[in-house]
Structure formats: C-alpha cells, structure tokens
Amino acid sequence: MTAVAVAQFTPRDDKTHNRDTVAGLVAVAAERGARLVVFPEYSSYFTDPLGPSFARNAEALDGAFVGALARAARDHGVHIVAGLVESTGERRRFANALVAVAPSGDVVAVYRKQHLYDAFGSRESDWVVAGETVEPQIFEVDGLRVGMQTCYDLRFPEVTRTLADAGAELVAIPAEWVRGPLKEHHWSTLLQARAIENTLYVAAADHTPPIAVGGSAIVDPMGAVVAGVAEVAGVAIADVSRDRVRQVREVNPALALRRYRVVPRD
C-alpha cells in the first residue's frame, strides 16, 4: 500500500504565501503517512482573471517555487506534484506546468498543459503557451507508476489513455476547475470516468470555492471515490495499491480488449 494525498487550497497573487501554504500542507499530509502529495494547478501564483501579471510572476524550473517544493520533499521524505506558472521567455505568455519532485529534491517529471481552457467563456490561450504532445513522463512512488495531466485535459480522454498506455497506475490531476452550471457534476463524473475506463487511480486536487468547485478526490480503478475534500482547504488521504489495479484489470480487461490506438493530431 502507498498513501496518496490530495491537498486543496486556493493560491493567491502572493507567491510567498503560496510557498508557505504548500509547505504546511505537505507537513500535514506527511504526518498522516502520505508518500505522494498532489496540489492544484497554478499553485505557485493565481489571480482571477488570467492576465499579464501571470507572465510577470512566472518562474523557471530552478526558481523559488520549485526550490520550496524540493525543500518540503526532502524534509518530509515525500513526492510532490504541483502546478507552476512557468516562464517561457515571452513577455505576455507563460507555460501552465506541473512539476513532480522526489524525496531527494530532484525534479523527476514535468508536464505542460496540452489542452488550454478556451471554453465556457474563457480564453486561456491568450495568456498560455500550450504544451507539446510529447511522450508521457512517468515517475514511480514506492513502485507505483504515476502520470500527470492538468484540469481541462480531463475532458479529453485520449490524454489519460496515453498515460495508461505508458504504464501509469495512478494519474495526478492538478486543476483550477472553474465554477459554472453543472460544472461540479462534470468534474466528479469525468474523474470517475477516467479512472473506470483506464482501470487506474486518479488523484485530483482543485482550488477551493468560490472561483473553483473544490471537491478534490482520490478515485479507485472501479470508479469509487475513496477519499476527498469538500469545499474547504485541507488534505485527504487514501491508501492505493498496485495489487488493486491488477485485480481490477483482470476483472475488467478493457485496456487489453480495445481495438483503437491514440494517435496525436498534427
């Protein structure tokens, strides 16, 4: 068994506050036995709406935010996944990145959001450079193979399927899932669908309301929510098991039986 935590909070436009909040939540999760802690999208910096301040507050992978993740990971002996507003060299646009840091403090995986939130009245592409459709970066936590995707990517089942094909047994999904008509329903339904159709665990961390929906959750390979946070800041933890993934895949061999592959578009 491996204990996995989702940490829910709302990042601010105060980067020091965000670093301190992440460090505090890592300490709480580690005290409760977590070996992997998943934080929301935009954990390093956020304000509503998106605008030019994001590029001004973007950081490199060797910047202060990732440095704070590395210290927390070393101090508590955990893996951490968190959303980074990453600098790109462009004056107005940044990369919406996820960073995975190991207990050694090393960055072991980076994912840049591929599907930008140009929907429901938003235009993320005005401010964000989309990530390339590269091969998934998978890292291991106690032998458990972990992949990453971000928020709006959840609406594209191909993303999670490529992670499953790369061997992921758990997918970390940092998000800032914006509130709106039926959006809470979409969030919970899609988290369970991605777990069920790929027979893997999902660990999804959102911002707290009122801008986002909250509802951070850990979902098992049969689609059952095994831990979660409602509308407040906090940490939820569940034990996950590679044996559970194997068991479900024996009962429901959907990945083995499918007749289609995922092919990236040009």
Protein backbone atom coordinates (compact mmCIF):
# COMPACT_ATOMS: atom_id res chain seq x y z
CA MET A 1 0.00 0.00 0.00
CA THR A 2 1.06 3.57 -0.73
CA ALA A 3 -0.65 6.53 0.94
CA VAL A 4 -1.54 9.28 -1.55
CA ALA A 5 -2.83 12.74 -0.58
CA VAL A 6 -4.67 15.48 -2.43
CA ALA A 7 -4.17 18.96 -0.96
CA GLN A 8 -6.86 21.55 -1.67
CA PHE A 9 -6.30 25.30 -1.30
CA THR A 10 -6.62 28.50 -3.30
CA PRO A 11 -3.31 30.01 -4.40
CA ARG A 12 -3.09 33.81 -4.32
CA ASP A 13 -1.12 36.54 -6.05
CA ASP A 14 1.27 36.37 -3.08
CA LYS A 15 3.95 33.84 -4.03
CA THR A 16 5.46 33.71 -0.53
CA HIS A 17 2.05 32.88 0.91
CA ASN A 18 1.62 30.10 -1.65
CA ARG A 19 5.01 28.56 -0.89
CA ASP A 20 4.32 28.65 2.85
CA THR A 21 0.85 27.15 2.39
CA VAL A 22 2.20 24.30 0.28
CA ALA A 23 4.92 23.57 2.84
CA GLY A 24 2.35 23.49 5.64
CA LEU A 25 0.02 21.13 3.78
CA VAL A 26 2.92 18.83 2.88
CA ALA A 27 3.76 18.62 6.59
CA VAL A 28 0.15 17.72 7.43
CA ALA A 29 -0.01 15.06 4.70
CA ALA A 30 3.35 13.56 5.64
CA GLU A 31 2.37 13.41 9.32
CA ARG A 32 -0.62 11.34 8.23
CA GLY A 33 1.62 8.97 6.28
CA ALA A 34 1.39 10.29 2.71
CA ARG A 35 4.11 9.28 0.26
CA LEU A 36 2.75 11.41 -2.62
CA VAL A 37 1.04 14.80 -2.22
CA VAL A 38 -0.85 16.32 -5.17
CA PHE A 39 -1.52 20.09 -5.24
CA PRO A 40 -3.70 22.18 -7.58
CA GLU A 41 -2.95 23.81 -10.89
CA TYR A 42 -1.47 27.33 -10.56
CA SER A 43 -0.12 26.55 -7.07
CA SER A 44 2.76 29.00 -7.48
CA TYR A 45 0.63 32.02 -8.46
CA PHE A 46 -3.01 32.76 -9.18
CA THR A 47 -5.41 35.64 -9.51
CA ASP A 48 -8.74 35.95 -11.28
CA PRO A 49 -8.99 36.58 -14.17
CA LEU A 50 -5.92 35.47 -16.10
CA GLY A 51 -3.91 38.43 -17.33
CA PRO A 52 -0.46 39.93 -17.84
CA SER A 53 0.51 39.54 -14.18
CA PHE A 54 0.94 35.78 -14.71
CA ALA A 55 3.85 36.16 -17.13
CA ARG A 56 5.41 38.75 -14.82
CA ASN A 57 5.22 36.28 -11.92
CA ALA A 58 6.26 33.21 -13.89
CA GLU A 59 9.30 31.26 -12.71
CA ALA A 60 11.84 28.86 -14.18
CA LEU A 61 12.13 25.25 -13.04
CA ASP A 62 15.09 26.30 -10.90
CA GLY A 63 13.15 29.18 -9.31
CA ALA A 64 11.88 29.84 -5.80
CA PHE A 65 8.68 27.79 -6.04
CA VAL A 66 10.30 24.56 -7.23
CA GLY A 67 13.06 25.18 -4.70
CA ALA A 68 10.42 25.31 -1.95
CA LEU A 69 8.89 22.06 -3.26
CA ALA A 70 12.33 20.45 -3.15
CA ARG A 71 12.90 21.51 0.46
CA ALA A 72 9.48 20.23 1.54
CA ALA A 73 10.03 16.93 -0.31
CA ARG A 74 13.42 16.43 1.36
CA ASP A 75 12.21 17.49 4.80
CA HIS A 76 9.29 15.07 4.78
CA GLY A 77 10.50 12.27 2.52
CA VAL A 78 7.60 12.57 0.04
CA HIS A 79 6.95 13.06 -3.64
CA ILE A 80 5.11 16.30 -4.54
CA VAL A 81 3.17 17.25 -7.67
CA ALA A 82 2.15 20.90 -8.03
CA GLY A 83 1.16 23.44 -10.67
CA LEU A 84 3.78 26.01 -11.70
CA VAL A 85 3.32 29.24 -13.65
CA GLU A 86 6.45 28.67 -15.73
CA SER A 87 8.36 31.34 -17.62
CA THR A 88 8.74 30.89 -21.39
CA GLY A 89 10.76 33.89 -22.49
CA GLU A 90 7.66 35.52 -23.96
CA ARG A 91 6.64 38.85 -22.46
CA ARG A 92 2.90 38.13 -22.24
CA ARG A 93 2.57 34.34 -22.12
CA PHE A 94 3.66 31.57 -19.77
CA ALA A 95 3.50 27.77 -19.60
CA ASN A 96 0.94 26.07 -17.37
CA ALA A 97 3.26 23.39 -15.99
CA LEU A 98 3.14 20.55 -13.50
CA VAL A 99 6.29 19.62 -11.63
CA ALA A 100 6.93 16.33 -9.82
CA VAL A 101 9.64 16.46 -7.15
CA ALA A 102 11.11 13.39 -5.44
CA PRO A 103 12.19 13.00 -1.77
CA SER A 104 15.73 13.69 -2.96
CA GLY A 105 14.61 17.16 -4.05
CA ASP A 106 15.16 16.33 -7.71
CA VAL A 107 12.59 17.19 -10.39
CA VAL A 108 11.59 13.78 -11.80
CA ALA A 109 8.85 14.80 -14.27
CA VAL A 110 7.43 17.93 -15.91
CA TYR A 111 4.15 18.21 -17.80
CA ARG A 112 2.89 21.28 -19.66
CA LYS A 113 -0.85 21.59 -20.17
CA GLN A 114 -1.77 20.49 -23.69
CA HIS A 115 -5.44 21.47 -23.90
CA LEU A 116 -5.96 25.12 -22.99
CA TYR A 117 -9.22 26.29 -21.46
CA ASP A 118 -10.78 28.11 -24.40
CA ALA A 119 -14.31 27.20 -23.34
CA PHE A 120 -17.21 28.35 -21.15
CA GLY A 121 -16.32 31.95 -21.95
CA SER A 122 -12.62 31.70 -21.05
CA ARG A 123 -9.57 32.15 -23.30
CA GLU A 124 -6.56 30.59 -21.60
CA SER A 125 -4.66 30.58 -24.89
CA ASP A 126 -4.48 34.38 -24.78
CA TRP A 127 -2.00 34.02 -21.93
CA VAL A 128 -0.66 30.44 -22.01
CA VAL A 129 1.61 28.55 -24.41
CA ALA A 130 0.23 25.04 -24.98
CA GLY A 131 2.47 22.10 -24.15
CA GLU A 132 3.68 19.87 -26.95
CA THR A 133 2.22 16.39 -27.42
CA VAL A 134 5.36 14.66 -26.17
CA GLU A 135 5.76 11.17 -24.75
CA PRO A 136 4.36 10.92 -21.19
CA GLN A 137 6.78 11.35 -18.33
CA ILE A 138 6.09 8.64 -15.77
CA PHE A 139 7.69 8.54 -12.34
CA GLU A 140 7.48 5.98 -9.54
CA VAL A 141 6.42 6.27 -5.91
CA ASP A 142 7.15 3.06 -3.97
CA GLY A 143 6.91 1.17 -7.27
CA LEU A 144 3.57 2.80 -8.20
CA ARG A 145 3.77 4.34 -11.69
CA VAL A 146 2.38 7.90 -11.77
CA GLY A 147 1.46 10.14 -14.71
CA MET A 148 0.22 13.75 -14.81
CA GLN A 149 -2.32 15.88 -16.67
CA THR A 150 -3.98 19.24 -15.99
CA CYS A 151 -7.55 20.44 -15.47
CA TYR A 152 -9.17 20.93 -18.93
CA ASP A 153 -7.16 17.93 -20.20
CA LEU A 154 -9.67 15.87 -18.21
CA ARG A 155 -12.29 16.50 -20.90
CA PHE A 156 -10.06 14.74 -23.47
CA PRO A 157 -9.99 11.01 -22.68
CA GLU A 158 -7.06 10.47 -25.02
CA VAL A 159 -4.72 12.19 -22.55
CA THR A 160 -5.39 9.74 -19.76
CA ARG A 161 -5.34 6.84 -22.21
CA THR A 162 -1.83 7.75 -23.36
CA LEU A 163 -0.74 7.73 -19.72
CA ALA A 164 -2.31 4.30 -19.19
CA ASP A 165 -0.54 3.06 -22.33
CA ALA A 166 2.74 4.36 -20.89
CA GLY A 167 2.19 2.24 -17.78
CA ALA A 168 0.57 4.69 -15.35
CA GLU A 169 -1.31 3.13 -12.45
CA LEU A 170 -2.26 6.49 -10.95
CA VAL A 171 -2.85 9.81 -12.69
CA ALA A 172 -2.34 13.06 -10.77
CA ILE A 173 -4.69 15.82 -11.97
CA PRO A 174 -4.00 19.29 -10.56
CA ALA A 175 -6.83 21.65 -11.52
CA GLU A 176 -8.47 25.02 -11.18
CA TRP A 177 -11.90 23.76 -12.23
CA VAL A 178 -13.94 26.93 -12.70
CA ARG A 179 -17.46 27.02 -11.28
CA GLY A 180 -20.46 27.24 -13.60
CA PRO A 181 -23.71 25.50 -14.49
CA LEU A 182 -23.28 21.76 -13.88
CA LYS A 183 -19.50 22.14 -13.57
CA GLU A 184 -19.37 20.27 -10.23
CA HIS A 185 -21.20 17.41 -11.93
CA HIS A 186 -18.78 17.45 -14.87
CA TRP A 187 -15.78 17.40 -12.51
CA SER A 188 -16.88 14.42 -10.43
CA THR A 189 -18.25 12.48 -13.41
CA LEU A 190 -15.13 12.90 -15.53
CA LEU A 191 -12.78 11.97 -12.68
CA GLN A 192 -14.67 8.72 -12.19
CA ALA A 193 -14.92 8.06 -15.93
CA ARG A 194 -11.16 8.46 -16.48
CA ALA A 195 -10.50 6.03 -13.60
CA ILE A 196 -13.05 3.46 -14.78
CA GLU A 197 -12.18 3.41 -18.49
CA ASN A 198 -8.43 3.18 -17.81
CA THR A 199 -8.68 0.94 -14.71
CA LEU A 200 -6.30 3.13 -12.70
CA TYR A 201 -6.35 5.52 -9.74
CA VAL A 202 -7.00 9.22 -10.15
CA ALA A 203 -5.77 11.79 -7.59
CA ALA A 204 -7.25 15.20 -8.40
CA ALA A 205 -6.58 18.44 -6.49
CA ASP A 206 -8.64 21.59 -7.09
CA HIS A 207 -8.78 25.13 -5.70
CA THR A 208 -11.36 25.92 -3.04
CA PRO A 209 -14.55 27.83 -3.99
CA PRO A 210 -15.87 30.35 -4.86
CA ILE A 211 -13.93 30.55 -8.14
CA ALA A 212 -13.34 26.80 -8.40
CA VAL A 213 -15.61 23.92 -7.40
CA GLY A 214 -13.41 22.19 -4.80
CA GLY A 215 -14.22 18.52 -4.48
CA SER A 216 -10.66 17.25 -4.64
CA ALA A 217 -10.76 13.47 -4.71
CA ILE A 218 -8.96 10.16 -4.96
CA VAL A 219 -10.81 7.67 -7.16
CA ASP A 220 -10.02 3.96 -7.35
CA PRO A 221 -9.85 1.87 -10.56
CA MET A 222 -13.51 0.81 -10.23
CA GLY A 223 -14.59 4.47 -10.02
CA ALA A 224 -15.24 4.61 -6.28
CA VAL A 225 -14.27 7.83 -4.50
CA VAL A 226 -12.10 6.59 -1.64
CA ALA A 227 -11.13 9.98 -0.16
CA GLY A 228 -11.98 13.62 -0.77
CA VAL A 229 -12.25 17.21 0.37
CA ALA A 230 -15.50 19.19 0.07
CA GLU A 231 -15.40 23.00 -0.24
CA VAL A 232 -12.71 23.90 2.30
CA ALA A 233 -8.93 23.88 2.29
CA GLY A 234 -7.40 20.67 3.55
CA VAL A 235 -5.88 17.28 2.86
CA ALA A 236 -7.49 13.94 2.01
CA ILE A 237 -5.50 10.69 2.03
CA ALA A 238 -6.16 7.18 0.74
CA ASP A 239 -4.11 4.00 0.50
CA VAL A 240 -3.61 2.89 -3.09
CA SER A 241 -2.35 -0.48 -4.25
CA ARG A 242 -0.79 -1.89 -7.39
CA ASP A 243 -2.50 -5.16 -6.50
CA ARG A 244 -5.86 -3.38 -6.69
CA VAL A 245 -5.03 -2.14 -10.20
CA ARG A 246 -4.04 -5.66 -11.29
CA GLN A 247 -7.17 -7.13 -9.72
CA VAL A 248 -9.48 -4.69 -11.48
CA ARG A 249 -7.72 -5.20 -14.81
CA GLU A 250 -8.24 -8.95 -14.52
CA VAL A 251 -11.97 -8.47 -13.90
CA ASN A 252 -12.34 -5.67 -16.46
CA PRO A 253 -9.67 -6.11 -19.16
CA ALA A 254 -10.87 -3.10 -21.16
CA LEU A 255 -7.36 -1.90 -22.00
CA ALA A 256 -6.42 -5.29 -23.39
CA LEU A 257 -9.66 -5.69 -25.37
CA ARG A 258 -9.78 -2.29 -27.08
CA ARG A 259 -9.29 -2.09 -30.84
CA TYR A 260 -8.16 1.51 -31.28
CA ARG A 261 -4.95 3.41 -30.59
CA VAL A 262 -4.49 7.08 -29.67
CA VAL A 263 -2.69 9.00 -32.41
CA PRO A 264 -1.76 12.70 -31.91
CA ARG A 265 -3.11 15.24 -34.39
CA ASP A 266 -0.68 17.48 -36.27
